[in-house]
PDB file of N, CA and C in Angstrom:
ATOM      1  N   MET A   1      -8.245  33.796  24.804  1.00  0.00           N
ATOM      2  CA  MET A   1      -7.727  33.274  23.559  1.00  0.00           C
ATOM      3  C   MET A   1      -8.878  32.640  22.791  1.00  0.00           C
ATOM      4  N   THR A   2      -8.973  32.947  21.518  1.00  0.00           N
ATOM      5  CA  THR A   2      -9.988  32.345  20.665  1.00  0.00           C
ATOM      6  C   THR A   2      -9.317  31.499  19.599  1.00  0.00           C
ATOM      7  N   TRP A   3     -10.031  30.505  19.164  1.00  0.00           N
ATOM      8  CA  TRP A   3      -9.530  29.598  18.132  1.00  0.00           C
ATOM      9  C   TRP A   3     -10.406  29.721  16.901  1.00  0.00           C
ATOM     10  N   SER A   4      -9.795  29.669  15.754  1.00  0.00           N
ATOM     11  CA  SER A   4     -10.592  29.613  14.538  1.00  0.00           C
ATOM     12  C   SER A   4     -11.173  28.210  14.422  1.00  0.00           C
ATOM     13  N   THR A   5     -12.201  28.074  13.627  1.00  0.00           N
ATOM     14  CA  THR A   5     -12.820  26.762  13.431  1.00  0.00           C
ATOM     15  C   THR A   5     -11.808  25.783  12.861  1.00  0.00           C
ATOM     16  N   ASP A   6     -10.968  26.219  11.927  1.00  0.00           N
ATOM     17  CA  ASP A   6      -9.966  25.341  11.316  1.00  0.00           C
ATOM     18  C   ASP A   6      -8.975  24.832  12.353  1.00  0.00           C
ATOM     19  N   ALA A   7      -8.560  25.692  13.280  1.00  0.00           N
ATOM     20  CA  ALA A   7      -7.590  25.283  14.296  1.00  0.00           C
ATOM     21  C   ALA A   7      -8.190  24.223  15.215  1.00  0.00           C
ATOM     22  N   VAL A   8      -9.453  24.397  15.601  1.00  0.00           N
ATOM     23  CA  VAL A   8     -10.112  23.424  16.467  1.00  0.00           C
ATOM     24  C   VAL A   8     -10.250  22.090  15.747  1.00  0.00           C
ATOM     25  N   ILE A   9     -10.648  22.112  14.501  1.00  0.00           N
ATOM     26  CA  ILE A   9     -10.788  20.882  13.730  1.00  0.00           C
ATOM     27  C   ILE A   9      -9.432  20.197  13.617  1.00  0.00           C
ATOM     28  N   THR A  10      -8.394  20.935  13.344  1.00  0.00           N
ATOM     29  CA  THR A  10      -7.059  20.364  13.216  1.00  0.00           C
ATOM     30  C   THR A  10      -6.629  19.719  14.527  1.00  0.00           C
ATOM     31  N   LYS A  11      -6.893  20.371  15.639  1.00  0.00           N
ATOM     32  CA  LYS A  11      -6.544  19.797  16.937  1.00  0.00           C
ATOM     33  C   LYS A  11      -7.351  18.519  17.187  1.00  0.00           C
ATOM     34  N   GLN A  12      -8.617  18.532  16.849  1.00  0.00           N
ATOM     35  CA  GLN A  12      -9.462  17.348  17.014  1.00  0.00           C
ATOM     36  C   GLN A  12      -8.980  16.212  16.125  1.00  0.00           C
ATOM     37  N   GLN A  13      -8.578  16.546  14.910  1.00  0.00           N
ATOM     38  CA  GLN A  13      -8.072  15.522  14.000  1.00  0.00           C
ATOM     39  C   GLN A  13      -6.798  14.899  14.541  1.00  0.00           C
ATOM     40  N   LYS A  14      -5.890  15.728  15.016  1.00  0.00           N
ATOM     41  CA  LYS A  14      -4.638  15.217  15.575  1.00  0.00           C
ATOM     42  C   LYS A  14      -4.903  14.351  16.804  1.00  0.00           C
ATOM     43  N   THR A  15      -5.849  14.754  17.621  1.00  0.00           N
ATOM     44  CA  THR A  15      -6.204  13.969  18.803  1.00  0.00           C
ATOM     45  C   THR A  15      -6.743  12.599  18.392  1.00  0.00           C
ATOM     46  N   ALA A  16      -7.618  12.575  17.404  1.00  0.00           N
ATOM     47  CA  ALA A  16      -8.177  11.302  16.928  1.00  0.00           C
ATOM     48  C   ALA A  16      -7.075  10.403  16.373  1.00  0.00           C
ATOM     49  N   LEU A  17      -6.163  10.971  15.612  1.00  0.00           N
ATOM     50  CA  LEU A  17      -5.067  10.191  15.041  1.00  0.00           C
ATOM     51  C   LEU A  17      -4.148   9.658  16.133  1.00  0.00           C
ATOM     52  N   ASN A  18      -3.854  10.490  17.112  1.00  0.00           N
ATOM     53  CA  ASN A  18      -3.023  10.052  18.242  1.00  0.00           C
ATOM     54  C   ASN A  18      -3.695   8.936  19.035  1.00  0.00           C
ATOM     55  N   MET A  19      -4.999   9.040  19.220  1.00  0.00           N
ATOM     56  CA  MET A  19      -5.731   8.001  19.942  1.00  0.00           C
ATOM     57  C   MET A  19      -5.691   6.685  19.169  1.00  0.00           C
ATOM     58  N   ALA A  20      -5.864   6.746  17.862  1.00  0.00           N
ATOM     59  CA  ALA A  20      -5.812   5.533  17.034  1.00  0.00           C
ATOM     60  C   ALA A  20      -4.425   4.897  17.106  1.00  0.00           C
ATOM     61  N   LYS A  21      -3.387   5.713  17.077  1.00  0.00           N
ATOM     62  CA  LYS A  21      -2.021   5.193  17.172  1.00  0.00           C
ATOM     63  C   LYS A  21      -1.776   4.565  18.541  1.00  0.00           C
ATOM     64  N   PHE A  22      -2.298   5.185  19.591  1.00  0.00           N
ATOM     65  CA  PHE A  22      -2.163   4.656  20.948  1.00  0.00           C
ATOM     66  C   PHE A  22      -2.845   3.284  21.063  1.00  0.00           C
ATOM     67  N   ILE A  23      -4.052   3.178  20.536  1.00  0.00           N
ATOM     68  CA  ILE A  23      -4.773   1.902  20.586  1.00  0.00           C
ATOM     69  C   ILE A  23      -3.997   0.835  19.828  1.00  0.00           C
ATOM     70  N   GLN A  24      -3.441   1.201  18.708  1.00  0.00           N
ATOM     71  CA  GLN A  24      -2.635   0.260  17.928  1.00  0.00           C
ATOM     72  C   GLN A  24      -1.445  -0.234  18.753  1.00  0.00           C
ATOM     73  N   ALA A  25      -0.744   0.677  19.380  1.00  0.00           N
ATOM     74  CA  ALA A  25       0.437   0.309  20.172  1.00  0.00           C
ATOM     75  C   ALA A  25       0.057  -0.528  21.391  1.00  0.00           C
ATOM     76  N   GLN A  26      -1.005  -0.150  22.077  1.00  0.00           N
ATOM     77  CA  GLN A  26      -1.415  -0.872  23.274  1.00  0.00           C
ATOM     78  C   GLN A  26      -1.940  -2.272  22.943  1.00  0.00           C
ATOM     79  N   SER A  27      -2.616  -2.407  21.815  1.00  0.00           N
ATOM     80  CA  SER A  27      -3.115  -3.727  21.437  1.00  0.00           C
ATOM     81  C   SER A  27      -1.954  -4.667  21.123  1.00  0.00           C
ATOM     82  N   LEU A  28      -0.867  -4.130  20.593  1.00  0.00           N
ATOM     83  CA  LEU A  28       0.312  -4.956  20.336  1.00  0.00           C
ATOM     84  C   LEU A  28       0.957  -5.401  21.644  1.00  0.00           C
ATOM     85  N   LEU A  29       1.038  -4.497  22.605  1.00  0.00           N
ATOM     86  CA  LEU A  29       1.584  -4.860  23.921  1.00  0.00           C
ATOM     87  C   LEU A  29       0.728  -5.930  24.595  1.00  0.00           C
ATOM     88  N   LEU A  30      -0.579  -5.752  24.510  1.00  0.00           N
ATOM     89  CA  LEU A  30      -1.488  -6.743  25.094  1.00  0.00           C
ATOM     90  C   LEU A  30      -1.326  -8.091  24.403  1.00  0.00           C
ATOM     91  N   LEU A  31      -1.198  -8.078  23.091  1.00  0.00           N
ATOM     92  CA  LEU A  31      -1.001  -9.325  22.354  1.00  0.00           C
ATOM     93  C   LEU A  31       0.257 -10.043  22.825  1.00  0.00           C
ATOM     94  N   GLU A  32       1.327  -9.319  23.024  1.00  0.00           N
ATOM     95  CA  GLU A  32       2.570  -9.926  23.513  1.00  0.00           C
ATOM     96  C   GLU A  32       2.367 -10.558  24.891  1.00  0.00           C
ATOM     97  N   LYS A  33       1.669  -9.853  25.766  1.00  0.00           N
ATOM     98  CA  LYS A  33       1.416 -10.389  27.110  1.00  0.00           C
ATOM     99  C   LYS A  33       0.546 -11.642  27.062  1.00  0.00           C
ATOM    100  N   LEU A  34      -0.486 -11.616  26.243  1.00  0.00           N
ATOM    101  CA  LEU A  34      -1.362 -12.773  26.128  1.00  0.00           C
ATOM    102  C   LEU A  34      -0.613 -13.983  25.580  1.00  0.00           C
ATOM    103  N   ASN A  35       0.284 -13.744  24.636  1.00  0.00           N
ATOM    104  CA  ASN A  35       1.105 -14.840  24.111  1.00  0.00           C
ATOM    105  C   ASN A  35       2.026 -15.401  25.185  1.00  0.00           C
ATOM    106  N   GLU A  36       2.600 -14.528  26.008  1.00  0.00           N
ATOM    107  CA  GLU A  36       3.459 -14.973  27.111  1.00  0.00           C
ATOM    108  C   GLU A  36       2.690 -15.851  28.095  1.00  0.00           C
ATOM    109  N   LEU A  37       1.413 -15.551  28.273  1.00  0.00           N
ATOM    110  CA  LEU A  37       0.571 -16.300  29.206  1.00  0.00           C
ATOM    111  C   LEU A  37      -0.065 -17.534  28.558  1.00  0.00           C
ATOM    112  N   ASP A  38       0.261 -17.779  27.302  1.00  0.00           N
ATOM    113  CA  ASP A  38      -0.297 -18.910  26.556  1.00  0.00           C
ATOM    114  C   ASP A  38      -1.824 -18.889  26.510  1.00  0.00           C
ATOM    115  N   LEU A  39      -2.378 -17.714  26.399  1.00  0.00           N
ATOM    116  CA  LEU A  39      -3.828 -17.546  26.274  1.00  0.00           C
ATOM    117  C   LEU A  39      -4.159 -17.405  24.786  1.00  0.00           C
ATOM    118  N   ASP A  40      -4.192 -18.553  24.115  1.00  0.00           N
ATOM    119  CA  ASP A  40      -4.296 -18.564  22.661  1.00  0.00           C
ATOM    120  C   ASP A  40      -5.590 -17.952  22.128  1.00  0.00           C
ATOM    121  N   THR A  41      -6.700 -18.279  22.730  1.00  0.00           N
ATOM    122  CA  THR A  41      -7.983 -17.749  22.257  1.00  0.00           C
ATOM    123  C   THR A  41      -8.015 -16.230  22.387  1.00  0.00           C
ATOM    124  N   GLU A  42      -7.588 -15.752  23.531  1.00  0.00           N
ATOM    125  CA  GLU A  42      -7.564 -14.310  23.772  1.00  0.00           C
ATOM    126  C   GLU A  42      -6.539 -13.622  22.872  1.00  0.00           C
ATOM    127  N   ALA A  43      -5.406 -14.279  22.652  1.00  0.00           N
ATOM    128  CA  ALA A  43      -4.379 -13.719  21.769  1.00  0.00           C
ATOM    129  C   ALA A  43      -4.902 -13.609  20.335  1.00  0.00           C
ATOM    130  N   ASP A  44      -5.671 -14.594  19.909  1.00  0.00           N
ATOM    131  CA  ASP A  44      -6.261 -14.527  18.567  1.00  0.00           C
ATOM    132  C   ASP A  44      -7.211 -13.335  18.447  1.00  0.00           C
ATOM    133  N   LEU A  45      -8.025 -13.136  19.470  1.00  0.00           N
ATOM    134  CA  LEU A  45      -8.929 -11.978  19.475  1.00  0.00           C
ATOM    135  C   LEU A  45      -8.144 -10.670  19.462  1.00  0.00           C
ATOM    136  N   CYS A  46      -7.102 -10.633  20.252  1.00  0.00           N
ATOM    137  CA  CYS A  46      -6.296  -9.422  20.350  1.00  0.00           C
ATOM    138  C   CYS A  46      -5.536  -9.156  19.048  1.00  0.00           C
ATOM    139  N   GLU A  47      -5.115 -10.213  18.386  1.00  0.00           N
ATOM    140  CA  GLU A  47      -4.440 -10.046  17.098  1.00  0.00           C
ATOM    141  C   GLU A  47      -5.375  -9.392  16.084  1.00  0.00           C
ATOM    142  N   LYS A  48      -6.623  -9.830  16.087  1.00  0.00           N
ATOM    143  CA  LYS A  48      -7.629  -9.211  15.206  1.00  0.00           C
ATOM    144  C   LYS A  48      -7.839  -7.756  15.601  1.00  0.00           C
ATOM    145  N   LEU A  49      -7.904  -7.493  16.894  1.00  0.00           N
ATOM    146  CA  LEU A  49      -8.041  -6.123  17.383  1.00  0.00           C
ATOM    147  C   LEU A  49      -6.879  -5.261  16.902  1.00  0.00           C
ATOM    148  N   HIS A  50      -5.669  -5.800  17.004  1.00  0.00           N
ATOM    149  CA  HIS A  50      -4.486  -5.047  16.570  1.00  0.00           C
ATOM    150  C   HIS A  50      -4.518  -4.781  15.064  1.00  0.00           C
ATOM    151  N   GLU A  51      -4.895  -5.786  14.290  1.00  0.00           N
ATOM    152  CA  GLU A  51      -4.992  -5.595  12.844  1.00  0.00           C
ATOM    153  C   GLU A  51      -6.034  -4.528  12.505  1.00  0.00           C
ATOM    154  N   ASP A  52      -7.156  -4.553  13.205  1.00  0.00           N
ATOM    155  CA  ASP A  52      -8.192  -3.541  12.994  1.00  0.00           C
ATOM    156  C   ASP A  52      -7.684  -2.157  13.397  1.00  0.00           C
ATOM    157  N   ALA A  53      -6.935  -2.089  14.487  1.00  0.00           N
ATOM    158  CA  ALA A  53      -6.382  -0.814  14.935  1.00  0.00           C
ATOM    159  C   ALA A  53      -5.382  -0.261  13.922  1.00  0.00           C
ATOM    160  N   GLU A  54      -4.582  -1.147  13.334  1.00  0.00           N
ATOM    161  CA  GLU A  54      -3.647  -0.713  12.286  1.00  0.00           C
ATOM    162  C   GLU A  54      -4.407  -0.156  11.086  1.00  0.00           C
ATOM    163  N   GLN A  55      -5.447  -0.869  10.672  1.00  0.00           N
ATOM    164  CA  GLN A  55      -6.249  -0.426   9.534  1.00  0.00           C
ATOM    165  C   GLN A  55      -6.929   0.904   9.832  1.00  0.00           C
ATOM    166  N   LEU A  56      -7.462   1.044  11.040  1.00  0.00           N
ATOM    167  CA  LEU A  56      -8.103   2.295  11.435  1.00  0.00           C
ATOM    168  C   LEU A  56      -7.107   3.447  11.368  1.00  0.00           C
ATOM    169  N   PHE A  57      -5.915   3.239  11.906  1.00  0.00           N
ATOM    170  CA  PHE A  57      -4.908   4.299  11.897  1.00  0.00           C
ATOM    171  C   PHE A  57      -4.552   4.696  10.460  1.00  0.00           C
ATOM    172  N   ARG A  58      -4.306   3.704   9.612  1.00  0.00           N
ATOM    173  CA  ARG A  58      -3.943   4.010   8.221  1.00  0.00           C
ATOM    174  C   ARG A  58      -5.071   4.742   7.501  1.00  0.00           C
ATOM    175  N   THR A  59      -6.289   4.251   7.659  1.00  0.00           N
ATOM    176  CA  THR A  59      -7.436   4.863   6.998  1.00  0.00           C
ATOM    177  C   THR A  59      -7.661   6.289   7.492  1.00  0.00           C
ATOM    178  N   LEU A  60      -7.568   6.465   8.783  1.00  0.00           N
ATOM    179  CA  LEU A  60      -7.756   7.782   9.374  1.00  0.00           C
ATOM    180  C   LEU A  60      -6.676   8.754   8.912  1.00  0.00           C
ATOM    181  N   ALA A  61      -5.432   8.302   8.862  1.00  0.00           N
ATOM    182  CA  ALA A  61      -4.327   9.157   8.424  1.00  0.00           C
ATOM    183  C   ALA A  61      -4.543   9.622   6.984  1.00  0.00           C
ATOM    184  N   VAL A  62      -4.961   8.705   6.117  1.00  0.00           N
ATOM    185  CA  VAL A  62      -5.212   9.066   4.717  1.00  0.00           C
ATOM    186  C   VAL A  62      -6.373  10.039   4.621  1.00  0.00           C
ATOM    187  N   ARG A  63      -7.442   9.735   5.317  1.00  0.00           N
ATOM    188  CA  ARG A  63      -8.633  10.595   5.241  1.00  0.00           C
ATOM    189  C   ARG A  63      -8.352  12.001   5.772  1.00  0.00           C
ATOM    190  N   LEU A  64      -7.658  12.085   6.891  1.00  0.00           N
ATOM    191  CA  LEU A  64      -7.352  13.404   7.458  1.00  0.00           C
ATOM    192  C   LEU A  64      -6.385  14.164   6.561  1.00  0.00           C
ATOM    193  N   ASN A  65      -5.452  13.463   5.933  1.00  0.00           N
ATOM    194  CA  ASN A  65      -4.542  14.099   5.000  1.00  0.00           C
ATOM    195  C   ASN A  65      -5.326  14.666   3.812  1.00  0.00           C
ATOM    196  N   ASP A  66      -6.276  13.875   3.281  1.00  0.00           N
ATOM    197  CA  ASP A  66      -7.119  14.343   2.186  1.00  0.00           C
ATOM    198  C   ASP A  66      -7.946  15.548   2.612  1.00  0.00           C
ATOM    199  N   PHE A  67      -8.452  15.511   3.848  1.00  0.00           N
ATOM    200  CA  PHE A  67      -9.258  16.614   4.362  1.00  0.00           C
ATOM    201  C   PHE A  67      -8.422  17.884   4.446  1.00  0.00           C
ATOM    202  N   GLN A  68      -7.180  17.748   4.921  1.00  0.00           N
ATOM    203  CA  GLN A  68      -6.289  18.914   5.046  1.00  0.00           C
ATOM    204  C   GLN A  68      -6.025  19.534   3.671  1.00  0.00           C
ATOM    205  N   GLU A  69      -5.855  18.696   2.656  1.00  0.00           N
ATOM    206  CA  GLU A  69      -5.575  19.197   1.308  1.00  0.00           C
ATOM    207  C   GLU A  69      -6.773  19.947   0.736  1.00  0.00           C
ATOM    208  N   ASP A  70      -7.986  19.604   1.180  1.00  0.00           N
ATOM    209  CA  ASP A  70      -9.180  20.270   0.697  1.00  0.00           C
ATOM    210  C   ASP A  70      -9.419  21.632   1.331  1.00  0.00           C
ATOM    211  N   LEU A  71      -8.736  21.911   2.454  1.00  0.00           N
ATOM    212  CA  LEU A  71      -8.940  23.194   3.145  1.00  0.00           C
ATOM    213  C   LEU A  71      -8.310  24.343   2.402  1.00  0.00           C
TER     214      LEU A  71
END
């Protein structure tokens, strides 16, 4: 089986987007656990991580959508 270049890029893009979404979800779970443990300093760091993960996911989704429209 052979793949066209466009198909490989599309699969890579979807993988990157899925990974960003996974990191976003996992950082939220970690934040909840850290809050349960009353680890305020770590929870603050994790909250920033989660916010960054959300921004990364949104930015990546927009950029990949724009890229798809250019094909």
